[in-house]
Amino acid sequence: MPLQSNHSIIGGKMLEEGSPAPQFSAPDQHGNMVSLEDFSGKWIALWWYPKASTPG
């Protein structure tokens, strides 16, 4: 399921390497909402990239 947002940040600040990720929520592969705090105390890897064929 592709993730889409109706929110955008223009001129947002780039995170420093090793800094904590900001809190966010997104649907999982079954459509259930999960948030970053659901994984508190666990190691996770976050990975995302711009949609193919778009600038960025």
PDB file of N, CA and C in Angstrom:
ATOM      1  N   MET A   1       0.847  -1.164   0.000  1.00  0.00           N
ATOM      2  CA  MET A   1       0.000   0.000   0.000  1.00  0.00           C
ATOM      3  C   MET A   1       0.898   1.234   0.000  1.00  0.00           C
ATOM      4  N   PRO A   2       0.820   2.059  -1.033  1.00  0.00           N
ATOM      5  CA  PRO A   2       1.636   3.274  -1.071  1.00  0.00           C
ATOM      6  C   PRO A   2       1.196   4.253   0.010  1.00  0.00           C
ATOM      7  N   LEU A   3       2.165   4.922   0.604  1.00  0.00           N
ATOM      8  CA  LEU A   3       1.856   5.931   1.612  1.00  0.00           C
ATOM      9  C   LEU A   3       1.709   7.276   0.932  1.00  0.00           C
ATOM     10  N   GLN A   4       0.680   7.998   1.261  1.00  0.00           N
ATOM     11  CA  GLN A   4       0.484   9.335   0.734  1.00  0.00           C
ATOM     12  C   GLN A   4       0.138  10.254   1.885  1.00  0.00           C
ATOM     13  N   SER A   5       0.507  11.505   1.743  1.00  0.00           N
ATOM     14  CA  SER A   5       0.237  12.486   2.788  1.00  0.00           C
ATOM     15  C   SER A   5      -0.454  13.691   2.185  1.00  0.00           C
ATOM     16  N   ASN A   6      -1.352  14.285   2.944  1.00  0.00           N
ATOM     17  CA  ASN A   6      -1.923  15.543   2.499  1.00  0.00           C
ATOM     18  C   ASN A   6      -1.238  16.695   3.231  1.00  0.00           C
ATOM     19  N   HIS A   7      -0.105  16.438   3.840  1.00  0.00           N
ATOM     20  CA  HIS A   7       0.671  17.460   4.526  1.00  0.00           C
ATOM     21  C   HIS A   7       2.026  17.559   3.838  1.00  0.00           C
ATOM     22  N   SER A   8       2.556  18.756   3.759  1.00  0.00           N
ATOM     23  CA  SER A   8       3.896  18.911   3.212  1.00  0.00           C
ATOM     24  C   SER A   8       4.642  19.957   4.026  1.00  0.00           C
ATOM     25  N   ILE A   9       5.935  19.823   4.037  1.00  0.00           N
ATOM     26  CA  ILE A   9       6.789  20.781   4.724  1.00  0.00           C
ATOM     27  C   ILE A   9       7.692  21.390   3.676  1.00  0.00           C
ATOM     28  N   ILE A  10       7.634  22.688   3.549  1.00  0.00           N
ATOM     29  CA  ILE A  10       8.480  23.384   2.591  1.00  0.00           C
ATOM     30  C   ILE A  10       9.590  24.063   3.377  1.00  0.00           C
ATOM     31  N   GLY A  11      10.804  23.801   2.985  1.00  0.00           N
ATOM     32  CA  GLY A  11      11.928  24.393   3.684  1.00  0.00           C
ATOM     33  C   GLY A  11      12.193  23.742   5.028  1.00  0.00           C
ATOM     34  N   GLY A  12      11.772  22.494   5.177  1.00  0.00           N
ATOM     35  CA  GLY A  12      11.989  21.770   6.422  1.00  0.00           C
ATOM     36  C   GLY A  12      13.468  21.571   6.689  1.00  0.00           C
ATOM     37  N   LYS A  13      13.806  21.386   7.935  1.00  0.00           N
ATOM     38  CA  LYS A  13      15.196  21.210   8.344  1.00  0.00           C
ATOM     39  C   LYS A  13      15.596  19.744   8.197  1.00  0.00           C
ATOM     40  N   MET A  14      16.747  19.506   7.602  1.00  0.00           N
ATOM     41  CA  MET A  14      17.277  18.159   7.446  1.00  0.00           C
ATOM     42  C   MET A  14      17.717  17.643   8.811  1.00  0.00           C
ATOM     43  N   LEU A  15      17.384  16.403   9.111  1.00  0.00           N
ATOM     44  CA  LEU A  15      17.805  15.805  10.375  1.00  0.00           C
ATOM     45  C   LEU A  15      19.299  15.525  10.353  1.00  0.00           C
ATOM     46  N   GLU A  16      19.921  15.685  11.493  1.00  0.00           N
ATOM     47  CA  GLU A  16      21.330  15.334  11.635  1.00  0.00           C
ATOM     48  C   GLU A  16      21.448  13.820  11.774  1.00  0.00           C
ATOM     49  N   GLU A  17      22.496  13.246  11.206  1.00  0.00           N
ATOM     50  CA  GLU A  17      22.723  11.809  11.345  1.00  0.00           C
ATOM     51  C   GLU A  17      22.819  11.447  12.821  1.00  0.00           C
ATOM     52  N   GLY A  18      22.099  10.395  13.212  1.00  0.00           N
ATOM     53  CA  GLY A  18      22.110   9.929  14.590  1.00  0.00           C
ATOM     54  C   GLY A  18      21.098  10.610  15.493  1.00  0.00           C
ATOM     55  N   SER A  19      20.405  11.632  14.978  1.00  0.00           N
ATOM     56  CA  SER A  19      19.402  12.305  15.815  1.00  0.00           C
ATOM     57  C   SER A  19      18.114  11.491  15.846  1.00  0.00           C
ATOM     58  N   PRO A  20      17.313  11.657  16.890  1.00  0.00           N
ATOM     59  CA  PRO A  20      16.055  10.906  16.971  1.00  0.00           C
ATOM     60  C   PRO A  20      15.107  11.297  15.837  1.00  0.00           C
ATOM     61  N   ALA A  21      14.375  10.339  15.344  1.00  0.00           N
ATOM     62  CA  ALA A  21      13.375  10.609  14.306  1.00  0.00           C
ATOM     63  C   ALA A  21      12.188  11.328  14.931  1.00  0.00           C
ATOM     64  N   PRO A  22      11.548  12.225  14.187  1.00  0.00           N
ATOM     65  CA  PRO A  22      10.341  12.865  14.718  1.00  0.00           C
ATOM     66  C   PRO A  22       9.204  11.851  14.818  1.00  0.00           C
ATOM     67  N   GLN A  23       8.261  12.097  15.704  1.00  0.00           N
ATOM     68  CA  GLN A  23       7.114  11.200  15.843  1.00  0.00           C
ATOM     69  C   GLN A  23       6.256  11.262  14.580  1.00  0.00           C
ATOM     70  N   PHE A  24       5.768  10.121  14.145  1.00  0.00           N
ATOM     71  CA  PHE A  24       4.862  10.063  13.005  1.00  0.00           C
ATOM     72  C   PHE A  24       4.045   8.789  13.080  1.00  0.00           C
ATOM     73  N   SER A  25       2.967   8.755  12.322  1.00  0.00           N
ATOM     74  CA  SER A  25       2.115   7.570  12.189  1.00  0.00           C
ATOM     75  C   SER A  25       1.917   7.299  10.709  1.00  0.00           C
ATOM     76  N   ALA A  26       1.755   6.032  10.366  1.00  0.00           N
ATOM     77  CA  ALA A  26       1.518   5.635   8.977  1.00  0.00           C
ATOM     78  C   ALA A  26       0.807   4.289   8.976  1.00  0.00           C
ATOM     79  N   PRO A  27       0.075   3.987   7.909  1.00  0.00           N
ATOM     80  CA  PRO A  27      -0.588   2.684   7.845  1.00  0.00           C
ATOM     81  C   PRO A  27       0.415   1.576   7.533  1.00  0.00           C
ATOM     82  N   ASP A  28       0.218   0.402   8.142  1.00  0.00           N
ATOM     83  CA  ASP A  28       1.051  -0.753   7.808  1.00  0.00           C
ATOM     84  C   ASP A  28       0.481  -1.437   6.567  1.00  0.00           C
ATOM     85  N   GLN A  29       1.029  -2.583   6.219  1.00  0.00           N
ATOM     86  CA  GLN A  29       0.612  -3.289   5.010  1.00  0.00           C
ATOM     87  C   GLN A  29      -0.835  -3.767   5.060  1.00  0.00           C
ATOM     88  N   HIS A  30      -1.444  -3.754   6.251  1.00  0.00           N
ATOM     89  CA  HIS A  30      -2.839  -4.174   6.407  1.00  0.00           C
ATOM     90  C   HIS A  30      -3.779  -2.986   6.597  1.00  0.00           C
ATOM     91  N   GLY A  31      -3.228  -1.772   6.550  1.00  0.00           N
ATOM     92  CA  GLY A  31      -4.039  -0.574   6.719  1.00  0.00           C
ATOM     93  C   GLY A  31      -4.210  -0.132   8.156  1.00  0.00           C
ATOM     94  N   ASN A  32      -3.594  -0.842   9.104  1.00  0.00           N
ATOM     95  CA  ASN A  32      -3.658  -0.456  10.521  1.00  0.00           C
ATOM     96  C   ASN A  32      -2.640   0.647  10.791  1.00  0.00           C
ATOM     97  N   MET A  33      -3.051   1.676  11.512  1.00  0.00           N
ATOM     98  CA  MET A  33      -2.135   2.768  11.822  1.00  0.00           C
ATOM     99  C   MET A  33      -1.131   2.333  12.893  1.00  0.00           C
ATOM    100  N   VAL A  34       0.119   2.602  12.637  1.00  0.00           N
ATOM    101  CA  VAL A  34       1.189   2.363  13.608  1.00  0.00           C
ATOM    102  C   VAL A  34       1.968   3.667  13.749  1.00  0.00           C
ATOM    103  N   SER A  35       2.539   3.878  14.910  1.00  0.00           N
ATOM    104  CA  SER A  35       3.324   5.086  15.127  1.00  0.00           C
ATOM    105  C   SER A  35       4.726   4.698  15.562  1.00  0.00           C
ATOM    106  N   LEU A  36       5.619   5.631  15.438  1.00  0.00           N
ATOM    107  CA  LEU A  36       7.000   5.377  15.825  1.00  0.00           C
ATOM    108  C   LEU A  36       7.078   4.988  17.296  1.00  0.00           C
ATOM    109  N   GLU A  37       6.251   5.595  18.133  1.00  0.00           N
ATOM    110  CA  GLU A  37       6.322   5.267  19.568  1.00  0.00           C
ATOM    111  C   GLU A  37       5.863   3.839  19.859  1.00  0.00           C
ATOM    112  N   ASP A  38       5.171   3.168  18.919  1.00  0.00           N
ATOM    113  CA  ASP A  38       4.816   1.754  19.096  1.00  0.00           C
ATOM    114  C   ASP A  38       6.065   0.876  19.206  1.00  0.00           C
ATOM    115  N   PHE A  39       7.190   1.390  18.721  1.00  0.00           N
ATOM    116  CA  PHE A  39       8.436   0.624  18.716  1.00  0.00           C
ATOM    117  C   PHE A  39       9.428   1.142  19.755  1.00  0.00           C
ATOM    118  N   SER A  40       8.947   1.894  20.719  1.00  0.00           N
ATOM    119  CA  SER A  40       9.806   2.467  21.748  1.00  0.00           C
ATOM    120  C   SER A  40      10.629   1.374  22.432  1.00  0.00           C
ATOM    121  N   GLY A  41      11.930   1.618  22.563  1.00  0.00           N
ATOM    122  CA  GLY A  41      12.824   0.660  23.209  1.00  0.00           C
ATOM    123  C   GLY A  41      13.335  -0.427  22.288  1.00  0.00           C
ATOM    124  N   LYS A  42      12.916  -0.408  21.015  1.00  0.00           N
ATOM    125  CA  LYS A  42      13.361  -1.419  20.049  1.00  0.00           C
ATOM    126  C   LYS A  42      14.196  -0.746  18.968  1.00  0.00           C
ATOM    127  N   TRP A  43      15.096  -1.501  18.379  1.00  0.00           N
ATOM    128  CA  TRP A  43      15.881  -1.012  17.255  1.00  0.00           C
ATOM    129  C   TRP A  43      15.045  -1.156  15.992  1.00  0.00           C
ATOM    130  N   ILE A  44      14.960  -0.092  15.222  1.00  0.00           N
ATOM    131  CA  ILE A  44      14.271  -0.155  13.930  1.00  0.00           C
ATOM    132  C   ILE A  44      15.095   0.604  12.897  1.00  0.00           C
ATOM    133  N   ALA A  45      14.888   0.310  11.649  1.00  0.00           N
ATOM    134  CA  ALA A  45      15.521   1.041  10.550  1.00  0.00           C
ATOM    135  C   ALA A  45      14.421   1.729   9.755  1.00  0.00           C
ATOM    136  N   LEU A  46      14.580   3.021   9.526  1.00  0.00           N
ATOM    137  CA  LEU A  46      13.636   3.777   8.710  1.00  0.00           C
ATOM    138  C   LEU A  46      14.276   4.024   7.356  1.00  0.00           C
ATOM    139  N   TRP A  47      13.517   3.776   6.310  1.00  0.00           N
ATOM    140  CA  TRP A  47      14.056   3.956   4.965  1.00  0.00           C
ATOM    141  C   TRP A  47      12.941   4.434   4.068  1.00  0.00           C
ATOM    142  N   TRP A  48      13.166   5.517   3.384  1.00  0.00           N
ATOM    143  CA  TRP A  48      12.197   5.981   2.404  1.00  0.00           C
ATOM    144  C   TRP A  48      12.938   6.750   1.330  1.00  0.00           C
ATOM    145  N   TYR A  49      12.261   6.972   0.239  1.00  0.00           N
ATOM    146  CA  TYR A  49      12.857   7.649  -0.899  1.00  0.00           C
ATOM    147  C   TYR A  49      11.740   8.350  -1.663  1.00  0.00           C
ATOM    148  N   PRO A  50      12.106   9.358  -2.486  1.00  0.00           N
ATOM    149  CA  PRO A  50      11.062  10.040  -3.252  1.00  0.00           C
ATOM    150  C   PRO A  50      10.446   9.099  -4.283  1.00  0.00           C
ATOM    151  N   LYS A  51       9.215   9.359  -4.591  1.00  0.00           N
ATOM    152  CA  LYS A  51       8.507   8.555  -5.589  1.00  0.00           C
ATOM    153  C   LYS A  51       9.284   8.582  -6.906  1.00  0.00           C
ATOM    154  N   ALA A  52       9.343   7.461  -7.585  1.00  0.00           N
ATOM    155  CA  ALA A  52      10.072   7.363  -8.851  1.00  0.00           C
ATOM    156  C   ALA A  52       9.583   8.423  -9.836  1.00  0.00           C
ATOM    157  N   SER A  53      10.498   8.926 -10.617  1.00  0.00           N
ATOM    158  CA  SER A  53      10.214   9.910 -11.677  1.00  0.00           C
ATOM    159  C   SER A  53       9.727  11.247 -11.137  1.00  0.00           C
ATOM    160  N   THR A  54      10.148  11.605  -9.921  1.00  0.00           N
ATOM    161  CA  THR A  54       9.817  12.927  -9.387  1.00  0.00           C
ATOM    162  C   THR A  54      11.111  13.621  -8.999  1.00  0.00           C
ATOM    163  N   PRO A  55      11.129  14.946  -9.017  1.00  0.00           N
ATOM    164  CA  PRO A  55      12.337  15.626  -8.561  1.00  0.00           C
ATOM    165  C   PRO A  55      12.528  15.392  -7.065  1.00  0.00           C
ATOM    166  N   GLY A  56      13.728  15.234  -6.647  1.00  0.00           N
ATOM    167  CA  GLY A  56      13.997  15.035  -5.222  1.00  0.00           C
ATOM    168  C   GLY A  56      14.727  13.803  -5.034  1.00  0.00           C
TER     169      GLY A  56
END
